[in-house]
PDB file of all heavy atoms in Angstrom:
ATOM      1  N   ALA A   1      10.479 -11.829  -1.736  1.00  0.00           N
ATOM      2  CA  ALA A   1      11.048 -11.608  -3.201  1.00  0.00           C
ATOM      3  C   ALA A   1      10.234 -12.163  -4.206  1.00  0.00           C
ATOM      4  O   ALA A   1       9.972 -11.519  -5.176  1.00  0.00           O
ATOM      5  CB  ALA A   1      12.481 -12.223  -3.162  1.00  0.00           C
ATOM      6  N   SER A   2       9.619 -13.358  -4.076  1.00  0.00           N
ATOM      7  CA  SER A   2       8.938 -14.061  -5.112  1.00  0.00           C
ATOM      8  C   SER A   2       7.434 -13.262  -5.270  1.00  0.00           C
ATOM      9  O   SER A   2       7.044 -13.147  -6.330  1.00  0.00           O
ATOM     10  CB  SER A   2       8.631 -15.493  -4.822  1.00  0.00           C
ATOM     11  OG  SER A   2       7.918 -15.595  -3.595  1.00  0.00           O
ATOM     12  N   GLY A   3       7.052 -12.755  -4.209  1.00  0.00           N
ATOM     13  CA  GLY A   3       5.751 -12.016  -4.259  1.00  0.00           C
ATOM     14  C   GLY A   3       5.944 -10.705  -4.987  1.00  0.00           C
ATOM     15  O   GLY A   3       5.028 -10.286  -5.808  1.00  0.00           O
ATOM     16  N   ILE A   4       7.068 -10.023  -4.681  1.00  0.00           N
ATOM     17  CA  ILE A   4       7.252  -8.724  -5.497  1.00  0.00           C
ATOM     18  C   ILE A   4       7.495  -9.049  -6.874  1.00  0.00           C
ATOM     19  O   ILE A   4       7.006  -8.310  -7.675  1.00  0.00           O
ATOM     20  CB  ILE A   4       8.605  -8.020  -4.764  1.00  0.00           C
ATOM     21  CG1 ILE A   4       8.301  -7.766  -3.398  1.00  0.00           C
ATOM     22  CG2 ILE A   4       8.999  -6.877  -5.654  1.00  0.00           C
ATOM     23  CD1 ILE A   4       9.529  -7.327  -2.579  1.00  0.00           C
ATOM     24  N   ARG A   5       8.331 -10.057  -7.266  1.00  0.00           N
ATOM     25  CA  ARG A   5       8.560 -10.485  -8.593  1.00  0.00           C
ATOM     26  C   ARG A   5       7.216 -10.711  -9.318  1.00  0.00           C
ATOM     27  O   ARG A   5       6.999 -10.099 -10.370  1.00  0.00           O
ATOM     28  CB  ARG A   5       9.496 -11.611  -8.764  1.00  0.00           C
ATOM     29  CG  ARG A   5       9.743 -12.104 -10.129  1.00  0.00           C
ATOM     30  CD  ARG A   5      10.566 -13.347 -10.127  1.00  0.00           C
ATOM     31  NE  ARG A   5      11.889 -13.135  -9.491  1.00  0.00           N
ATOM     32  CZ  ARG A   5      12.943 -12.709  -9.975  1.00  0.00           C
ATOM     33  NH1 ARG A   5      12.855 -12.116 -11.379  1.00  0.00           N
ATOM     34  NH2 ARG A   5      14.037 -12.598  -9.453  1.00  0.00           N
ATOM     35  N   ASP A   6       6.296 -11.476  -8.728  1.00  0.00           N
ATOM     36  CA  ASP A   6       5.126 -11.821  -9.417  1.00  0.00           C
ATOM     37  C   ASP A   6       4.297 -10.596  -9.547  1.00  0.00           C
ATOM     38  O   ASP A   6       3.739 -10.472 -10.668  1.00  0.00           O
ATOM     39  CB  ASP A   6       4.326 -12.944  -8.522  1.00  0.00           C
ATOM     40  CG  ASP A   6       5.073 -14.171  -8.484  1.00  0.00           C
ATOM     41  OD1 ASP A   6       5.953 -14.465  -9.320  1.00  0.00           O
ATOM     42  OD2 ASP A   6       4.689 -15.058  -7.747  1.00  0.00           O
ATOM     43  N   ALA A   7       4.072  -9.674  -8.551  1.00  0.00           N
ATOM     44  CA  ALA A   7       3.343  -8.531  -8.764  1.00  0.00           C
ATOM     45  C   ALA A   7       3.798  -7.598  -9.815  1.00  0.00           C
ATOM     46  O   ALA A   7       3.072  -7.085 -10.594  1.00  0.00           O
ATOM     47  CB  ALA A   7       3.231  -7.875  -7.337  1.00  0.00           C
ATOM     48  N   LEU A   8       5.191  -7.287  -9.748  1.00  0.00           N
ATOM     49  CA  LEU A   8       5.721  -6.444 -10.767  1.00  0.00           C
ATOM     50  C   LEU A   8       5.602  -6.990 -12.222  1.00  0.00           C
ATOM     51  O   LEU A   8       5.139  -6.384 -13.099  1.00  0.00           O
ATOM     52  CB  LEU A   8       7.204  -6.032 -10.444  1.00  0.00           C
ATOM     53  CG  LEU A   8       7.404  -5.315  -9.195  1.00  0.00           C
ATOM     54  CD1 LEU A   8       8.792  -5.240  -8.877  1.00  0.00           C
ATOM     55  CD2 LEU A   8       6.779  -3.851  -9.451  1.00  0.00           C
ATOM     56  N   GLU A   9       5.883  -8.334 -12.431  1.00  0.00           N
ATOM     57  CA  GLU A   9       5.643  -8.932 -13.643  1.00  0.00           C
ATOM     58  C   GLU A   9       4.244  -8.974 -14.188  1.00  0.00           C
ATOM     59  O   GLU A   9       4.006  -8.705 -15.435  1.00  0.00           O
ATOM     60  CB  GLU A   9       6.288 -10.366 -13.643  1.00  0.00           C
ATOM     61  CG  GLU A   9       7.736 -10.358 -13.555  1.00  0.00           C
ATOM     62  CD  GLU A   9       8.389 -11.732 -13.483  1.00  0.00           C
ATOM     63  OE1 GLU A   9       7.703 -12.664 -13.124  1.00  0.00           O
ATOM     64  OE2 GLU A   9       9.620 -11.781 -13.714  1.00  0.00           O
ATOM     65  N   THR A  10       3.381  -9.022 -13.338  1.00  0.00           N
ATOM     66  CA  THR A  10       1.931  -8.917 -13.660  1.00  0.00           C
ATOM     67  C   THR A  10       1.440  -7.594 -14.128  1.00  0.00           C
ATOM     68  O   THR A  10       0.961  -7.274 -15.118  1.00  0.00           O
ATOM     69  CB  THR A  10       0.966  -9.279 -12.406  1.00  0.00           C
ATOM     70  OG1 THR A  10       1.212 -10.701 -12.147  1.00  0.00           O
ATOM     71  CG2 THR A  10      -0.453  -9.063 -12.790  1.00  0.00           C
ATOM     72  N   MET A  11       1.964  -6.478 -13.374  1.00  0.00           N
ATOM     73  CA  MET A  11       1.719  -5.120 -13.824  1.00  0.00           C
ATOM     74  C   MET A  11       2.469  -4.818 -15.167  1.00  0.00           C
ATOM     75  O   MET A  11       1.788  -4.176 -15.979  1.00  0.00           O
ATOM     76  CB  MET A  11       2.205  -4.113 -12.615  1.00  0.00           C
ATOM     77  CG  MET A  11       1.455  -4.293 -11.435  1.00  0.00           C
ATOM     78  SD  MET A  11       1.918  -3.002 -10.363  1.00  0.00           S
ATOM     79  CE  MET A  11       0.764  -1.741 -10.777  1.00  0.00           C
ATOM     80  N   ALA A  12       3.676  -5.325 -15.378  1.00  0.00           N
ATOM     81  CA  ALA A  12       4.379  -5.144 -16.599  1.00  0.00           C
ATOM     82  C   ALA A  12       3.567  -5.771 -17.723  1.00  0.00           C
ATOM     83  O   ALA A  12       3.560  -5.254 -18.880  1.00  0.00           O
ATOM     84  CB  ALA A  12       5.731  -5.583 -16.620  1.00  0.00           C
ATOM     85  N   SER A  13       2.951  -7.005 -17.568  1.00  0.00           N
ATOM     86  CA  SER A  13       2.235  -7.537 -18.620  1.00  0.00           C
ATOM     87  C   SER A  13       0.918  -6.879 -19.030  1.00  0.00           C
ATOM     88  O   SER A  13       0.573  -7.258 -20.150  1.00  0.00           O
ATOM     89  CB  SER A  13       2.009  -9.202 -18.133  1.00  0.00           C
ATOM     90  OG  SER A  13       0.962  -9.115 -17.091  1.00  0.00           O
ATOM     91  N   VAL A  14       0.513  -6.091 -18.199  1.00  0.00           N
ATOM     92  CA  VAL A  14      -0.861  -5.374 -18.544  1.00  0.00           C
ATOM     93  C   VAL A  14      -0.559  -4.001 -18.931  1.00  0.00           C
ATOM     94  O   VAL A  14      -1.486  -3.283 -19.373  1.00  0.00           O
ATOM     95  CB  VAL A  14      -1.878  -5.492 -17.483  1.00  0.00           C
ATOM     96  CG1 VAL A  14      -2.214  -6.876 -17.166  1.00  0.00           C
ATOM     97  CG2 VAL A  14      -1.380  -4.768 -16.135  1.00  0.00           C
ATOM     98  N   ASP A  15       0.537  -3.432 -18.745  1.00  0.00           N
ATOM     99  CA  ASP A  15       0.933  -2.101 -19.035  1.00  0.00           C
ATOM    100  C   ASP A  15       2.386  -2.021 -19.763  1.00  0.00           C
ATOM    101  O   ASP A  15       3.384  -2.184 -19.035  1.00  0.00           O
ATOM    102  CB  ASP A  15       0.952  -1.130 -17.816  1.00  0.00           C
ATOM    103  CG  ASP A  15       1.022   0.330 -18.190  1.00  0.00           C
ATOM    104  OD1 ASP A  15       1.476   0.601 -19.216  1.00  0.00           O
ATOM    105  OD2 ASP A  15       0.501   1.102 -17.382  1.00  0.00           O
ATOM    106  N   HIS A  16       2.376  -1.823 -21.016  1.00  0.00           N
ATOM    107  CA  HIS A  16       3.640  -1.705 -21.790  1.00  0.00           C
ATOM    108  C   HIS A  16       4.517  -0.561 -21.323  1.00  0.00           C
ATOM    109  O   HIS A  16       5.797  -0.752 -21.743  1.00  0.00           O
ATOM    110  CB  HIS A  16       3.349  -1.558 -23.284  1.00  0.00           C
ATOM    111  CG  HIS A  16       2.875  -0.252 -23.671  1.00  0.00           C
ATOM    112  ND1 HIS A  16       1.540   0.350 -23.548  1.00  0.00           N
ATOM    113  CD2 HIS A  16       3.675   0.770 -24.174  1.00  0.00           C
ATOM    114  CE1 HIS A  16       1.522   1.487 -23.887  1.00  0.00           C
ATOM    115  NE2 HIS A  16       2.700   1.881 -24.233  1.00  0.00           N
ATOM    116  N   ARG A  17       4.079   0.216 -20.567  1.00  0.00           N
ATOM    117  CA  ARG A  17       4.994   1.443 -20.089  1.00  0.00           C
ATOM    118  C   ARG A  17       5.847   1.061 -18.854  1.00  0.00           C
ATOM    119  O   ARG A  17       6.631   1.803 -18.522  1.00  0.00           O
ATOM    120  CB  ARG A  17       4.132   2.626 -19.589  1.00  0.00           C
ATOM    121  CG  ARG A  17       3.237   3.134 -20.904  1.00  0.00           C
ATOM    122  CD  ARG A  17       2.221   4.141 -20.429  1.00  0.00           C
ATOM    123  NE  ARG A  17       1.368   3.706 -19.398  1.00  0.00           N
ATOM    124  CZ  ARG A  17       0.613   4.527 -18.528  1.00  0.00           C
ATOM    125  NH1 ARG A  17       0.764   5.722 -18.696  1.00  0.00           N
ATOM    126  NH2 ARG A  17      -0.101   3.943 -17.620  1.00  0.00           N
ATOM    127  N   ILE A  18       5.628  -0.178 -18.350  1.00  0.00           N
ATOM    128  CA  ILE A  18       6.376  -0.664 -17.216  1.00  0.00           C
ATOM    129  C   ILE A  18       7.238  -1.811 -17.647  1.00  0.00           C
ATOM    130  O   ILE A  18       6.749  -2.698 -18.254  1.00  0.00           O
ATOM    131  CB  ILE A  18       5.411  -1.143 -16.098  1.00  0.00           C
ATOM    132  CG1 ILE A  18       4.564  -0.092 -15.628  1.00  0.00           C
ATOM    133  CG2 ILE A  18       6.172  -1.709 -15.065  1.00  0.00           C
ATOM    134  CD1 ILE A  18       3.487  -0.426 -14.664  1.00  0.00           C
ATOM    135  N   ARG A  19       8.479  -1.689 -17.437  1.00  0.00           N
ATOM    136  CA  ARG A  19       9.521  -2.724 -17.801  1.00  0.00           C
ATOM    137  C   ARG A  19      10.146  -3.278 -16.556  1.00  0.00           C
ATOM    138  O   ARG A  19      10.684  -2.309 -15.854  1.00  0.00           O
ATOM    139  CB  ARG A  19      10.564  -2.217 -18.852  1.00  0.00           C
ATOM    140  CG  ARG A  19      11.500  -3.168 -19.232  1.00  0.00           C
ATOM    141  CD  ARG A  19      12.416  -2.553 -20.248  1.00  0.00           C
ATOM    142  NE  ARG A  19      13.633  -3.483 -20.348  1.00  0.00           N
ATOM    143  CZ  ARG A  19      14.433  -3.578 -21.251  1.00  0.00           C
ATOM    144  NH1 ARG A  19      14.217  -2.617 -22.257  1.00  0.00           N
ATOM    145  NH2 ARG A  19      15.481  -4.311 -21.349  1.00  0.00           N
ATOM    146  N   CYS A  20      10.257  -4.491 -16.408  1.00  0.00           N
ATOM    147  CA  CYS A  20      10.860  -5.077 -15.420  1.00  0.00           C
ATOM    148  C   CYS A  20      12.172  -5.976 -15.715  1.00  0.00           C
ATOM    149  O   CYS A  20      11.857  -6.833 -16.564  1.00  0.00           O
ATOM    150  CB  CYS A  20       9.981  -5.908 -14.443  1.00  0.00           C
ATOM    151  SG  CYS A  20       8.635  -5.040 -13.772  1.00  0.00           S
ATOM    152  N   ASP A  21      13.299  -5.499 -15.380  1.00  0.00           N
ATOM    153  CA  ASP A  21      14.481  -6.398 -15.516  1.00  0.00           C
ATOM    154  C   ASP A  21      14.939  -6.900 -14.154  1.00  0.00           C
ATOM    155  O   ASP A  21      15.723  -6.261 -13.438  1.00  0.00           O
ATOM    156  CB  ASP A  21      15.618  -5.493 -16.300  1.00  0.00           C
ATOM    157  CG  ASP A  21      15.292  -5.216 -17.591  1.00  0.00           C
ATOM    158  OD1 ASP A  21      14.434  -5.918 -18.252  1.00  0.00           O
ATOM    159  OD2 ASP A  21      15.899  -4.302 -18.153  1.00  0.00           O
ATOM    160  N   LEU A  22      14.219  -7.990 -13.671  1.00  0.00           N
ATOM    161  CA  LEU A  22      14.367  -8.481 -12.370  1.00  0.00           C
ATOM    162  C   LEU A  22      15.504  -9.424 -12.103  1.00  0.00           C
ATOM    163  O   LEU A  22      15.283 -10.662 -12.110  1.00  0.00           O
ATOM    164  CB  LEU A  22      13.043  -8.842 -11.852  1.00  0.00           C
ATOM    165  CG  LEU A  22      11.890  -7.910 -11.932  1.00  0.00           C
ATOM    166  CD1 LEU A  22      10.500  -8.465 -11.484  1.00  0.00           C
ATOM    167  CD2 LEU A  22      12.236  -6.637 -11.027  1.00  0.00           C
ATOM    168  N   HIS A  23      16.657  -9.002 -12.162  1.00  0.00           N
ATOM    169  CA  HIS A  23      17.882  -9.777 -12.023  1.00  0.00           C
ATOM    170  C   HIS A  23      18.911  -8.913 -11.719  1.00  0.00           C
ATOM    171  O   HIS A  23      18.817  -7.766 -11.663  1.00  0.00           O
ATOM    172  CB  HIS A  23      18.254 -10.559 -13.246  1.00  0.00           C
ATOM    173  CG  HIS A  23      18.332  -9.647 -14.531  1.00  0.00           C
ATOM    174  ND1 HIS A  23      19.520  -8.985 -14.801  1.00  0.00           N
ATOM    175  CD2 HIS A  23      17.471  -9.374 -15.460  1.00  0.00           C
ATOM    176  CE1 HIS A  23      19.243  -8.293 -15.884  1.00  0.00           C
ATOM    177  NE2 HIS A  23      18.003  -8.500 -16.348  1.00  0.00           N
ATOM    178  N   ILE A  24      20.040  -9.380 -11.198  1.00  0.00           N
ATOM    179  CA  ILE A  24      21.304  -8.644 -10.923  1.00  0.00           C
ATOM    180  C   ILE A  24      21.758  -7.935 -12.198  1.00  0.00           C
ATOM    181  O   ILE A  24      21.948  -8.682 -13.211  1.00  0.00           O
ATOM    182  CB  ILE A  24      22.302  -9.406 -10.167  1.00  0.00           C
ATOM    183  CG1 ILE A  24      21.878  -9.943  -8.966  1.00  0.00           C
ATOM    184  CG2 ILE A  24      23.649  -8.681 -10.159  1.00  0.00           C
ATOM    185  CD1 ILE A  24      22.775 -10.892  -8.261  1.00  0.00           C
ATOM    186  N   ILE A  25      21.845  -6.716 -12.202  1.00  0.00           N
ATOM    187  CA  ILE A  25      22.322  -5.939 -13.393  1.00  0.00           C
ATOM    188  C   ILE A  25      23.858  -6.114 -13.447  1.00  0.00           C
ATOM    189  O   ILE A  25      24.497  -5.520 -12.478  1.00  0.00           O
ATOM    190  CB  ILE A  25      21.797  -4.497 -13.440  1.00  0.00           C
ATOM    191  CG1 ILE A  25      20.329  -4.446 -13.317  1.00  0.00           C
ATOM    192  CG2 ILE A  25      22.221  -3.788 -14.589  1.00  0.00           C
ATOM    193  CD1 ILE A  25      19.515  -5.212 -14.337  1.00  0.00           C
ATOM    194  N   PRO A  26      24.428  -6.531 -14.432  1.00  0.00           N
ATOM    195  CA  PRO A  26      25.992  -6.534 -14.530  1.00  0.00           C
ATOM    196  C   PRO A  26      26.577  -5.174 -14.457  1.00  0.00           C
ATOM    197  O   PRO A  26      26.004  -4.226 -14.951  1.00  0.00           O
ATOM    198  CB  PRO A  26      26.299  -7.361 -15.855  1.00  0.00           C
ATOM    199  CG  PRO A  26      24.984  -7.941 -16.209  1.00  0.00           C
ATOM    200  CD  PRO A  26      23.950  -7.168 -15.571  1.00  0.00           C
ATOM    201  N   ASN A  27      27.568  -4.908 -13.993  1.00  0.00           N
ATOM    202  CA  ASN A  27      28.344  -3.692 -13.740  1.00  0.00           C
ATOM    203  C   ASN A  27      28.476  -3.024 -15.032  1.00  0.00           C
ATOM    204  O   ASN A  27      28.218  -1.699 -15.104  1.00  0.00           O
ATOM    205  CB  ASN A  27      29.690  -3.860 -13.136  1.00  0.00           C
ATOM    206  CG  ASN A  27      29.688  -4.197 -11.677  1.00  0.00           C
ATOM    207  OD1 ASN A  27      28.754  -4.079 -10.986  1.00  0.00           O
ATOM    208  ND2 ASN A  27      30.753  -4.761 -11.141  1.00  0.00           N
ATOM    209  N   GLU A  28      28.809  -3.631 -16.052  1.00  0.00           N
ATOM    210  CA  GLU A  28      28.865  -2.973 -17.454  1.00  0.00           C
ATOM    211  C   GLU A  28      27.629  -2.453 -18.013  1.00  0.00           C
ATOM    212  O   GLU A  28      27.578  -1.658 -18.995  1.00  0.00           O
ATOM    213  CB  GLU A  28      29.784  -3.786 -18.452  1.00  0.00           C
ATOM    214  CG  GLU A  28      28.990  -5.023 -18.867  1.00  0.00           C
ATOM    215  CD  GLU A  28      29.292  -6.283 -17.858  1.00  0.00           C
ATOM    216  OE1 GLU A  28      29.912  -6.105 -16.839  1.00  0.00           O
ATOM    217  OE2 GLU A  28      28.679  -7.381 -18.095  1.00  0.00           O
ATOM    218  N   ARG A  29      26.470  -2.963 -17.483  1.00  0.00           N
ATOM    219  CA  ARG A  29      25.074  -2.486 -18.074  1.00  0.00           C
ATOM    220  C   ARG A  29      24.528  -1.302 -17.126  1.00  0.00           C
ATOM    221  O   ARG A  29      23.472  -0.873 -17.546  1.00  0.00           O
ATOM    222  CB  ARG A  29      24.182  -3.751 -18.029  1.00  0.00           C
ATOM    223  CG  ARG A  29      24.614  -4.723 -19.096  1.00  0.00           C
ATOM    224  CD  ARG A  29      23.997  -4.453 -20.365  1.00  0.00           C
ATOM    225  NE  ARG A  29      22.386  -4.468 -20.382  1.00  0.00           N
ATOM    226  CZ  ARG A  29      21.757  -4.046 -21.294  1.00  0.00           C
ATOM    227  NH1 ARG A  29      22.366  -3.769 -22.505  1.00  0.00           N
ATOM    228  NH2 ARG A  29      20.495  -3.968 -21.377  1.00  0.00           N
TER     229      ARG A  29
END
């Protein structure tokens, strides 16, 4: 999990077209 998080956040930091909301999404959202 931490490796996936780190890799995705790195990709999102270099490409504005990628957005990561890496948390549990509340039902209402």
